[in-house]
C-alpha atoms as a PDB file:
ATOM      1  CA  UNK A   1     141.895  10.469 104.611  1.00  0.00           C
ATOM      2  CA  UNK A   2     142.505  12.136 107.896  1.00  0.00           C
ATOM      3  CA  UNK A   3     145.300  14.517 108.758  1.00  0.00           C
ATOM      4  CA  UNK A   4     147.036  11.930 110.937  1.00  0.00           C
ATOM      5  CA  UNK A   5     147.160   9.342 108.135  1.00  0.00           C
ATOM      6  CA  UNK A   6     148.631  11.921 105.744  1.00  0.00           C
ATOM      7  CA  UNK A   7     151.170  12.920 108.358  1.00  0.00           C
ATOM      8  CA  UNK A   8     152.090   9.299 109.096  1.00  0.00           C
ATOM      9  CA  UNK A   9     152.543   8.479 105.427  1.00  0.00           C
ATOM     10  CA  UNK A  10     154.506  11.613 104.488  1.00  0.00           C
ATOM     11  CA  UNK A  11     156.486  12.223 107.667  1.00  0.00           C
ATOM     12  CA  UNK A  12     159.789  10.747 106.507  1.00  0.00           C
ATOM     13  CA  UNK A  13     159.877  12.585 103.132  1.00  0.00           C
ATOM     14  CA  UNK A  14     158.961  15.831 104.898  1.00  0.00           C
ATOM     15  CA  UNK A  15     161.738  15.383 107.463  1.00  0.00           C
ATOM     16  CA  UNK A  16     164.274  14.497 104.778  1.00  0.00           C
ATOM     17  CA  UNK A  17     163.388  17.512 102.641  1.00  0.00           C
ATOM     18  CA  UNK A  18     163.493  19.844 105.667  1.00  0.00           C
ATOM     19  CA  UNK A  19     166.887  18.545 106.750  1.00  0.00           C
ATOM     20  CA  UNK A  20     168.283  18.849 103.214  1.00  0.00           C
ATOM     21  CA  UNK A  21     166.958  22.395 102.981  1.00  0.00           C
ATOM     22  CA  UNK A  22     168.461  23.281 106.350  1.00  0.00           C
ATOM     23  CA  UNK A  23     171.772  21.731 105.285  1.00  0.00           C
ATOM     24  CA  UNK A  24     171.845  23.692 102.025  1.00  0.00           C
ATOM     25  CA  UNK A  25     171.027  26.952 103.782  1.00  0.00           C
ATOM     26  CA  UNK A  26     173.642  26.315 106.473  1.00  0.00           C
ATOM     27  CA  UNK A  27     176.300  25.440 103.910  1.00  0.00           C
ATOM     28  CA  UNK A  28     175.457  28.580 101.919  1.00  0.00           C
ATOM     29  CA  UNK A  29     175.829  30.683 105.068  1.00  0.00           C
ATOM     30  CA  UNK A  30     179.119  28.945 105.888  1.00  0.00           C
ATOM     31  CA  UNK A  31     180.499  29.665 102.409  1.00  0.00           C
ATOM     32  CA  UNK A  32     179.424  33.309 102.402  1.00  0.00           C
ATOM     33  CA  UNK A  33     180.499  33.996 105.996  1.00  0.00           C
ATOM     34  CA  UNK A  34     183.486  31.738 106.864  1.00  0.00           C
ATOM     35  CA  UNK A  35     183.475  32.831 110.516  1.00  0.00           C
ATOM     36  CA  UNK A  36     180.029  31.278 111.120  1.00  0.00           C
ATOM     37  CA  UNK A  37     181.251  28.065 112.686  1.00  0.00           C
ATOM     38  CA  UNK A  38     177.731  27.192 113.865  1.00  0.00           C
ATOM     39  CA  UNK A  39     176.603  26.775 110.254  1.00  0.00           C
ATOM     40  CA  UNK A  40     179.295  24.162 109.622  1.00  0.00           C
ATOM     41  CA  UNK A  41     178.317  22.443 112.865  1.00  0.00           C
ATOM     42  CA  UNK A  42     174.715  22.218 111.647  1.00  0.00           C
ATOM     43  CA  UNK A  43     175.876  20.554 108.416  1.00  0.00           C
ATOM     44  CA  UNK A  44     178.086  18.032 110.241  1.00  0.00           C
ATOM     45  CA  UNK A  45     175.265  17.348 112.712  1.00  0.00           C
ATOM     46  CA  UNK A  46     172.913  16.599 109.828  1.00  0.00           C
ATOM     47  CA  UNK A  47     175.484  14.273 108.258  1.00  0.00           C
ATOM     48  CA  UNK A  48     175.890  12.442 111.570  1.00  0.00           C
ATOM     49  CA  UNK A  49     172.116  12.152 111.945  1.00  0.00           C
ATOM     50  CA  UNK A  50     171.794  10.786 108.410  1.00  0.00           C
ATOM     51  CA  UNK A  51     174.417   8.103 108.991  1.00  0.00           C
ATOM     52  CA  UNK A  52     172.859   7.227 112.359  1.00  0.00           C
ATOM     53  CA  UNK A  53     169.455   6.754 110.707  1.00  0.00           C
ATOM     54  CA  UNK A  54     171.072   4.671 107.961  1.00  0.00           C
ATOM     55  CA  UNK A  55     172.781   2.502 110.585  1.00  0.00           C
ATOM     56  CA  UNK A  56     169.580   2.015 112.601  1.00  0.00           C
ATOM     57  CA  UNK A  57     167.545   1.169 109.499  1.00  0.00           C
ATOM     58  CA  UNK A  58     170.040  -1.340 108.125  1.00  0.00           C
ATOM     59  CA  UNK A  59     170.633  -3.115 111.443  1.00  0.00           C
ATOM     60  CA  UNK A  60     167.094  -2.920 112.832  1.00  0.00           C
ATOM     61  CA  UNK A  61     164.515  -2.847 110.096  1.00  0.00           C
ATOM     62  CA  UNK A  62     166.003  -4.293 106.912  1.00  0.00           C
ATOM     63  CA  UNK A  63     166.515  -7.953 107.858  1.00  0.00           C
ATOM     64  CA  UNK A  64     166.173  -9.517 104.393  1.00  0.00           C
ATOM     65  CA  UNK A  65     169.752  -9.085 103.165  1.00  0.00           C
ATOM     66  CA  UNK A  66     171.720 -10.463 106.100  1.00  0.00           C
ATOM     67  CA  UNK A  67     174.950  -8.779 107.161  1.00  0.00           C
ATOM     68  CA  UNK A  68     176.170  -8.215 103.659  1.00  0.00           C
ATOM     69  CA  UNK A  69     179.503  -9.984 103.942  1.00  0.00           C
ATOM     70  CA  UNK A  70     180.917 -10.522 100.484  1.00  0.00           C
ATOM     71  CA  UNK A  71     178.549  -8.050  98.873  1.00  0.00           C
ATOM     72  CA  UNK A  72     179.467  -5.040  96.793  1.00  0.00           C
ATOM     73  CA  UNK A  73     180.527  -1.809  98.497  1.00  0.00           C
ATOM     74  CA  UNK A  74     177.808   0.150  96.727  1.00  0.00           C
ATOM     75  CA  UNK A  75     174.978  -1.932  98.211  1.00  0.00           C
ATOM     76  CA  UNK A  76     173.094  -0.790 101.288  1.00  0.00           C
ATOM     77  CA  UNK A  77     174.048  -3.460 103.825  1.00  0.00           C
ATOM     78  CA  UNK A  78     174.493  -3.432 107.595  1.00  0.00           C
ATOM     79  CA  UNK A  79     178.283  -3.761 107.285  1.00  0.00           C
ATOM     80  CA  UNK A  80     178.497  -0.835 104.851  1.00  0.00           C
ATOM     81  CA  UNK A  81     176.271   1.273 107.109  1.00  0.00           C
ATOM     82  CA  UNK A  82     178.537   0.516 110.062  1.00  0.00           C
ATOM     83  CA  UNK A  83     181.638   1.426 108.047  1.00  0.00           C
ATOM     84  CA  UNK A  84     180.061   4.666 106.871  1.00  0.00           C
ATOM     85  CA  UNK A  85     178.986   5.529 110.393  1.00  0.00           C
ATOM     86  CA  UNK A  86     182.474   4.892 111.792  1.00  0.00           C
ATOM     87  CA  UNK A  87     184.391   6.624 108.997  1.00  0.00           C
ATOM     88  CA  UNK A  88     182.096   9.585 108.293  1.00  0.00           C
ATOM     89  CA  UNK A  89     179.400   9.785 110.988  1.00  0.00           C
ATOM     90  CA  UNK A  90     181.539   9.737 114.135  1.00  0.00           C
ATOM     91  CA  UNK A  91     184.020  12.409 112.917  1.00  0.00           C
ATOM     92  CA  UNK A  92     181.029  14.589 112.034  1.00  0.00           C
ATOM     93  CA  UNK A  93     179.678  14.106 115.558  1.00  0.00           C
ATOM     94  CA  UNK A  94     183.111  14.989 116.961  1.00  0.00           C
ATOM     95  CA  UNK A  95     183.191  18.231 114.953  1.00  0.00           C
ATOM     96  CA  UNK A  96     179.568  19.040 115.833  1.00  0.00           C
ATOM     97  CA  UNK A  97     180.241  18.750 119.553  1.00  0.00           C
ATOM     98  CA  UNK A  98     183.783  20.144 119.822  1.00  0.00           C
ATOM     99  CA  UNK A  99     184.052  22.390 116.774  1.00  0.00           C
ATOM    100  CA  UNK A 100     187.358  20.843 115.673  1.00  0.00           C
ATOM    101  CA  UNK A 101     188.746  17.512 114.507  1.00  0.00           C
ATOM    102  CA  UNK A 102     191.858  17.499 116.720  1.00  0.00           C
ATOM    103  CA  UNK A 103     192.206  16.538 120.358  1.00  0.00           C
ATOM    104  CA  UNK A 104     194.101  19.727 121.195  1.00  0.00           C
ATOM    105  CA  UNK A 105     192.091  22.784 122.097  1.00  0.00           C
ATOM    106  CA  UNK A 106     192.691  25.884 120.032  1.00  0.00           C
ATOM    107  CA  UNK A 107     195.031  28.294 121.759  1.00  0.00           C
ATOM    108  CA  UNK A 108     194.540  31.981 121.453  1.00  0.00           C
ATOM    109  CA  UNK A 109     197.428  34.393 121.662  1.00  0.00           C
ATOM    110  CA  UNK A 110     196.919  37.292 124.032  1.00  0.00           C
ATOM    111  CA  UNK A 111     198.990  40.112 122.584  1.00  0.00           C
ATOM    112  CA  UNK A 112     198.748  42.220 125.729  1.00  0.00           C
ATOM    113  CA  UNK A 113     200.644  39.690 127.834  1.00  0.00           C
ATOM    114  CA  UNK A 114     203.157  38.612 125.208  1.00  0.00           C
ATOM    115  CA  UNK A 115     206.784  39.709 125.111  1.00  0.00           C
ATOM    116  CA  UNK A 116     206.515  40.925 121.547  1.00  0.00           C
ATOM    117  CA  UNK A 117     206.735  44.683 121.145  1.00  0.00           C
ATOM    118  CA  UNK A 118     203.947  45.573 118.735  1.00  0.00           C
ATOM    119  CA  UNK A 119     204.212  49.323 119.122  1.00  0.00           C
ATOM    120  CA  UNK A 120     206.080  51.263 116.474  1.00  0.00           C
ATOM    121  CA  UNK A 121     207.513  54.621 117.349  1.00  0.00           C
ATOM    122  CA  UNK A 122     207.651  57.314 114.734  1.00  0.00           C
ATOM    123  CA  UNK A 123     211.104  58.271 116.015  1.00  0.00           C
ATOM    124  CA  UNK A 124     212.579  54.907 115.101  1.00  0.00           C
ATOM    125  CA  UNK A 125     214.250  55.071 111.753  1.00  0.00           C
ATOM    126  CA  UNK A 126     215.017  52.002 109.781  1.00  0.00           C
ATOM    127  CA  UNK A 127     218.359  52.099 108.110  1.00  0.00           C
ATOM    128  CA  UNK A 128     218.296  50.278 104.836  1.00  0.00           C
ATOM    129  CA  UNK A 129     221.431  48.691 103.519  1.00  0.00           C
ATOM    130  CA  UNK A 130     222.442  49.875 100.097  1.00  0.00           C
ATOM    131  CA  UNK A 131     221.514  47.536  97.291  1.00  0.00           C
ATOM    132  CA  UNK A 132     224.522  46.295  95.377  1.00  0.00           C
ATOM    133  CA  UNK A 133     224.203  45.201  91.796  1.00  0.00           C
ATOM    134  CA  UNK A 134     224.208  41.526  91.028  1.00  0.00           C
ATOM    135  CA  UNK A 135     226.812  40.320  88.581  1.00  0.00           C
ATOM    136  CA  UNK A 136     225.355  38.614  85.494  1.00  0.00           C
ATOM    137  CA  UNK A 137     226.270  34.967  85.111  1.00  0.00           C
ATOM    138  CA  UNK A 138     229.299  34.271  83.029  1.00  0.00           C
ATOM    139  CA  UNK A 139     229.058  32.314  79.843  1.00  0.00           C
ATOM    140  CA  UNK A 140     231.845  30.014  81.021  1.00  0.00           C
ATOM    141  CA  UNK A 141     229.757  28.771  83.955  1.00  0.00           C
ATOM    142  CA  UNK A 142     226.935  27.692  81.650  1.00  0.00           C
ATOM    143  CA  UNK A 143     229.147  25.578  79.427  1.00  0.00           C
ATOM    144  CA  UNK A 144     228.884  28.010  76.528  1.00  0.00           C
ATOM    145  CA  UNK A 145     232.168  28.906  74.849  1.00  0.00           C
END
């Protein structure tokens, strides 16, 4: 056995295990540090790539089953791969590229240019209104005689 035959035979399992490892590490980083948006983008990019590979395999290489019309939802068929790609894969691509699921861009508030006065002077005194006691509920209002 030569190195090239080993690599040809084991290339797909190696790529799958590397991508799963990278996805687990990225998701761990995203959970520990929520501000690492790039880690979430790596995970969604891997999900998109997985569904794209599933779609290509089912439509291009697995020609024995037909389209899969009338088959169970749990079976790997070209129609189910297309549905999964449209419902899960494309939104993951959208998030990978744009970093959000919405069409609107995120707006940032610039506090220096806003009209809100954020400075608090020590000279300003806040006058608190006196607290008045609350009357207990009467027994007549509760239907108790």
